[in-house]
């Protein structure tokens, strides 16, 4: 066989090898992260729920989702193991990150407020300056309502 005809197959097999290798690395890193969990560690599930690990079992984890509220989850459902600082910042609102105190509004009012007091009248039509008789004359040029100049 000609080596040029085998080249696409070799490239395809090489690409598949590289993709599966990176996926296996990600799976191994996730499994190692789950194995490093200890009781008292803050975690985030793949569903986005934050909880504290209470007990570890072979394939399951007992999580405290609220004070006195416990739930059993599969270990595979743990999306991330969080550091204590990050968990407290997210769950309890502890702000030790030293943010500059910028307040982000929860609505669009800051986008519509203007420094000057001029207001734009959105109800005003552009052709209000023309007399109403001129509008009546335009309609009487042989066009019924709904007809246009398009041909």
C-alpha atoms as a PDB file:
ATOM      1  CA  UNK A   1       0.000   0.000   0.000  1.00  0.00           C
ATOM      2  CA  UNK A   2       0.988   3.545  -0.555  1.00  0.00           C
ATOM      3  CA  UNK A   3       2.132   5.313   2.683  1.00  0.00           C
ATOM      4  CA  UNK A   4       0.201   8.448   1.694  1.00  0.00           C
ATOM      5  CA  UNK A   5      -3.104   6.549   1.885  1.00  0.00           C
ATOM      6  CA  UNK A   6      -2.278   5.304   5.387  1.00  0.00           C
ATOM      7  CA  UNK A   7      -1.417   8.783   6.694  1.00  0.00           C
ATOM      8  CA  UNK A   8      -5.042   9.876   7.433  1.00  0.00           C
ATOM      9  CA  UNK A   9      -5.662   6.689   9.414  1.00  0.00           C
ATOM     10  CA  UNK A  10      -2.482   7.170  11.425  1.00  0.00           C
ATOM     11  CA  UNK A  11      -3.422  10.777  12.203  1.00  0.00           C
ATOM     12  CA  UNK A  12      -6.944   9.718  13.224  1.00  0.00           C
ATOM     13  CA  UNK A  13      -5.660   6.990  15.549  1.00  0.00           C
ATOM     14  CA  UNK A  14      -3.145   9.437  17.077  1.00  0.00           C
ATOM     15  CA  UNK A  15      -5.862  12.035  17.718  1.00  0.00           C
ATOM     16  CA  UNK A  16      -8.105   9.433  19.374  1.00  0.00           C
ATOM     17  CA  UNK A  17      -5.219   8.325  21.577  1.00  0.00           C
ATOM     18  CA  UNK A  18      -4.529  11.898  22.721  1.00  0.00           C
ATOM     19  CA  UNK A  19      -8.203  12.569  23.479  1.00  0.00           C
ATOM     20  CA  UNK A  20      -8.673   9.421  25.536  1.00  0.00           C
ATOM     21  CA  UNK A  21      -5.429  10.067  27.407  1.00  0.00           C
ATOM     22  CA  UNK A  22      -6.547  13.550  28.497  1.00  0.00           C
ATOM     23  CA  UNK A  23      -9.953  12.221  29.543  1.00  0.00           C
ATOM     24  CA  UNK A  24      -8.318   9.520  31.654  1.00  0.00           C
ATOM     25  CA  UNK A  25      -6.133  12.135  33.335  1.00  0.00           C
ATOM     26  CA  UNK A  26      -9.205  14.201  34.235  1.00  0.00           C
ATOM     27  CA  UNK A  27     -10.986  11.150  35.636  1.00  0.00           C
ATOM     28  CA  UNK A  28      -7.947  10.195  37.700  1.00  0.00           C
ATOM     29  CA  UNK A  29      -7.666  13.735  39.097  1.00  0.00           C
ATOM     30  CA  UNK A  30     -11.364  13.725  40.037  1.00  0.00           C
ATOM     31  CA  UNK A  31     -11.048  10.331  41.739  1.00  0.00           C
ATOM     32  CA  UNK A  32      -8.005  11.531  43.689  1.00  0.00           C
ATOM     33  CA  UNK A  33      -9.887  14.668  44.767  1.00  0.00           C
ATOM     34  CA  UNK A  34     -12.782  12.534  46.035  1.00  0.00           C
ATOM     35  CA  UNK A  35     -10.412  10.225  47.891  1.00  0.00           C
ATOM     36  CA  UNK A  36      -8.853  13.199  49.724  1.00  0.00           C
ATOM     37  CA  UNK A  37     -12.209  14.197  51.261  1.00  0.00           C
ATOM     38  CA  UNK A  38     -12.331  14.131  55.046  1.00  0.00           C
ATOM     39  CA  UNK A  39     -15.229  14.639  57.453  1.00  0.00           C
ATOM     40  CA  UNK A  40     -15.719  18.375  57.937  1.00  0.00           C
ATOM     41  CA  UNK A  41     -14.633  19.284  54.411  1.00  0.00           C
ATOM     42  CA  UNK A  42     -16.825  21.621  52.378  1.00  0.00           C
ATOM     43  CA  UNK A  43     -17.877  20.296  48.973  1.00  0.00           C
ATOM     44  CA  UNK A  44     -19.943  21.318  45.942  1.00  0.00           C
ATOM     45  CA  UNK A  45     -22.034  18.640  44.245  1.00  0.00           C
ATOM     46  CA  UNK A  46     -22.351  18.365  40.482  1.00  0.00           C
ATOM     47  CA  UNK A  47     -25.833  19.835  40.927  1.00  0.00           C
ATOM     48  CA  UNK A  48     -24.389  22.967  42.528  1.00  0.00           C
ATOM     49  CA  UNK A  49     -25.328  22.304  46.157  1.00  0.00           C
ATOM     50  CA  UNK A  50     -22.822  23.232  48.869  1.00  0.00           C
ATOM     51  CA  UNK A  51     -22.555  20.934  51.865  1.00  0.00           C
ATOM     52  CA  UNK A  52     -20.215  19.645  54.559  1.00  0.00           C
ATOM     53  CA  UNK A  53     -18.966  16.039  54.579  1.00  0.00           C
ATOM     54  CA  UNK A  54     -20.074  14.165  57.714  1.00  0.00           C
ATOM     55  CA  UNK A  55     -19.238  10.521  56.915  1.00  0.00           C
ATOM     56  CA  UNK A  56     -17.409   8.686  54.149  1.00  0.00           C
ATOM     57  CA  UNK A  57     -18.296   5.205  52.950  1.00  0.00           C
ATOM     58  CA  UNK A  58     -17.049   3.088  50.044  1.00  0.00           C
ATOM     59  CA  UNK A  59     -19.252   4.571  47.327  1.00  0.00           C
ATOM     60  CA  UNK A  60     -21.371   7.084  49.260  1.00  0.00           C
ATOM     61  CA  UNK A  61     -20.931  10.234  51.295  1.00  0.00           C
ATOM     62  CA  UNK A  62     -23.159  11.588  54.057  1.00  0.00           C
ATOM     63  CA  UNK A  63     -23.481  15.348  53.562  1.00  0.00           C
ATOM     64  CA  UNK A  64     -24.907  17.950  55.918  1.00  0.00           C
ATOM     65  CA  UNK A  65     -26.746  20.342  53.607  1.00  0.00           C
ATOM     66  CA  UNK A  66     -28.110  22.518  56.436  1.00  0.00           C
ATOM     67  CA  UNK A  67     -27.753  22.360  60.215  1.00  0.00           C
ATOM     68  CA  UNK A  68     -29.345  19.052  61.200  1.00  0.00           C
ATOM     69  CA  UNK A  69     -30.260  18.095  57.621  1.00  0.00           C
ATOM     70  CA  UNK A  70     -28.314  15.132  56.219  1.00  0.00           C
ATOM     71  CA  UNK A  71     -28.387  13.525  52.775  1.00  0.00           C
ATOM     72  CA  UNK A  72     -26.608  10.534  51.287  1.00  0.00           C
ATOM     73  CA  UNK A  73     -24.889  11.140  47.942  1.00  0.00           C
ATOM     74  CA  UNK A  74     -22.793   8.978  45.652  1.00  0.00           C
ATOM     75  CA  UNK A  75     -19.101   9.889  45.707  1.00  0.00           C
ATOM     76  CA  UNK A  76     -19.295  10.505  41.976  1.00  0.00           C
ATOM     77  CA  UNK A  77     -21.795  13.291  42.650  1.00  0.00           C
ATOM     78  CA  UNK A  78     -19.111  15.416  44.338  1.00  0.00           C
ATOM     79  CA  UNK A  79     -18.011  18.008  41.804  1.00  0.00           C
ATOM     80  CA  UNK A  80     -15.369  19.838  43.854  1.00  0.00           C
ATOM     81  CA  UNK A  81     -13.742  19.711  47.245  1.00  0.00           C
ATOM     82  CA  UNK A  82     -13.445  23.286  48.516  1.00  0.00           C
ATOM     83  CA  UNK A  83     -10.900  24.873  50.811  1.00  0.00           C
ATOM     84  CA  UNK A  84     -12.202  26.138  54.141  1.00  0.00           C
ATOM     85  CA  UNK A  85     -11.779  29.784  53.106  1.00  0.00           C
ATOM     86  CA  UNK A  86     -13.647  29.314  49.833  1.00  0.00           C
ATOM     87  CA  UNK A  87     -16.446  27.316  51.466  1.00  0.00           C
ATOM     88  CA  UNK A  88     -16.955  29.943  54.205  1.00  0.00           C
ATOM     89  CA  UNK A  89     -16.878  32.759  51.652  1.00  0.00           C
ATOM     90  CA  UNK A  90     -19.533  31.119  49.482  1.00  0.00           C
ATOM     91  CA  UNK A  91     -21.835  29.586  52.112  1.00  0.00           C
ATOM     92  CA  UNK A  92     -21.543  31.972  55.048  1.00  0.00           C
ATOM     93  CA  UNK A  93     -20.716  35.153  53.155  1.00  0.00           C
ATOM     94  CA  UNK A  94     -17.401  35.650  54.943  1.00  0.00           C
ATOM     95  CA  UNK A  95     -15.482  38.174  52.869  1.00  0.00           C
ATOM     96  CA  UNK A  96     -11.794  37.784  53.564  1.00  0.00           C
ATOM     97  CA  UNK A  97     -10.778  38.267  49.952  1.00  0.00           C
ATOM     98  CA  UNK A  98     -10.346  42.038  50.326  1.00  0.00           C
ATOM     99  CA  UNK A  99     -12.650  43.116  47.532  1.00  0.00           C
ATOM    100  CA  UNK A 100     -12.841  46.845  46.912  1.00  0.00           C
ATOM    101  CA  UNK A 101     -16.481  47.064  48.024  1.00  0.00           C
ATOM    102  CA  UNK A 102     -17.967  47.631  44.570  1.00  0.00           C
ATOM    103  CA  UNK A 103     -21.718  47.211  44.700  1.00  0.00           C
ATOM    104  CA  UNK A 104     -23.356  45.612  41.686  1.00  0.00           C
ATOM    105  CA  UNK A 105     -27.051  46.489  41.369  1.00  0.00           C
ATOM    106  CA  UNK A 106     -29.506  43.640  40.978  1.00  0.00           C
ATOM    107  CA  UNK A 107     -31.524  45.484  38.349  1.00  0.00           C
ATOM    108  CA  UNK A 108     -30.934  47.645  35.289  1.00  0.00           C
ATOM    109  CA  UNK A 109     -31.653  50.964  37.010  1.00  0.00           C
ATOM    110  CA  UNK A 110     -28.017  52.004  36.914  1.00  0.00           C
ATOM    111  CA  UNK A 111     -28.041  51.610  33.160  1.00  0.00           C
ATOM    112  CA  UNK A 112     -31.052  53.852  32.661  1.00  0.00           C
ATOM    113  CA  UNK A 113     -30.316  56.596  35.191  1.00  0.00           C
ATOM    114  CA  UNK A 114     -28.976  59.820  33.750  1.00  0.00           C
ATOM    115  CA  UNK A 115     -26.849  62.479  35.424  1.00  0.00           C
ATOM    116  CA  UNK A 116     -28.860  65.353  33.984  1.00  0.00           C
ATOM    117  CA  UNK A 117     -32.591  65.639  34.515  1.00  0.00           C
ATOM    118  CA  UNK A 118     -33.525  65.609  30.842  1.00  0.00           C
ATOM    119  CA  UNK A 119     -35.992  62.886  30.123  1.00  0.00           C
ATOM    120  CA  UNK A 120     -36.716  61.321  26.782  1.00  0.00           C
ATOM    121  CA  UNK A 121     -40.397  61.179  25.932  1.00  0.00           C
ATOM    122  CA  UNK A 122     -40.823  57.814  24.286  1.00  0.00           C
ATOM    123  CA  UNK A 123     -44.496  58.456  23.500  1.00  0.00           C
ATOM    124  CA  UNK A 124     -43.752  61.487  21.345  1.00  0.00           C
ATOM    125  CA  UNK A 125     -43.960  60.769  17.630  1.00  0.00           C
ATOM    126  CA  UNK A 126     -41.526  62.295  15.165  1.00  0.00           C
ATOM    127  CA  UNK A 127     -44.258  63.583  12.824  1.00  0.00           C
ATOM    128  CA  UNK A 128     -46.281  65.483  15.462  1.00  0.00           C
ATOM    129  CA  UNK A 129     -44.977  68.755  14.061  1.00  0.00           C
ATOM    130  CA  UNK A 130     -47.054  68.267  10.900  1.00  0.00           C
ATOM    131  CA  UNK A 131     -50.634  69.426  11.032  1.00  0.00           C
ATOM    132  CA  UNK A 132     -53.299  66.781  11.200  1.00  0.00           C
ATOM    133  CA  UNK A 133     -54.835  68.068   7.962  1.00  0.00           C
ATOM    134  CA  UNK A 134     -51.702  67.017   6.082  1.00  0.00           C
ATOM    135  CA  UNK A 135     -52.099  63.479   7.395  1.00  0.00           C
ATOM    136  CA  UNK A 136     -55.704  63.418   6.257  1.00  0.00           C
ATOM    137  CA  UNK A 137     -54.614  64.610   2.814  1.00  0.00           C
ATOM    138  CA  UNK A 138     -52.103  61.791   2.527  1.00  0.00           C
ATOM    139  CA  UNK A 139     -54.763  59.178   3.141  1.00  0.00           C
ATOM    140  CA  UNK A 140     -57.048  60.632   0.515  1.00  0.00           C
ATOM    141  CA  UNK A 141     -54.533  60.081  -2.288  1.00  0.00           C
ATOM    142  CA  UNK A 142     -56.278  56.888  -3.329  1.00  0.00           C
ATOM    143  CA  UNK A 143     -54.723  54.519  -0.819  1.00  0.00           C
ATOM    144  CA  UNK A 144     -56.872  52.602   1.572  1.00  0.00           C
ATOM    145  CA  UNK A 145     -55.727  51.691   5.019  1.00  0.00           C
ATOM    146  CA  UNK A 146     -53.203  48.881   4.903  1.00  0.00           C
ATOM    147  CA  UNK A 147     -52.013  49.589   1.349  1.00  0.00           C
ATOM    148  CA  UNK A 148     -48.423  50.587   0.779  1.00  0.00           C
ATOM    149  CA  UNK A 149     -46.285  52.104  -1.940  1.00  0.00           C
ATOM    150  CA  UNK A 150     -44.454  48.821  -2.524  1.00  0.00           C
ATOM    151  CA  UNK A 151     -45.017  47.221  -5.890  1.00  0.00           C
END
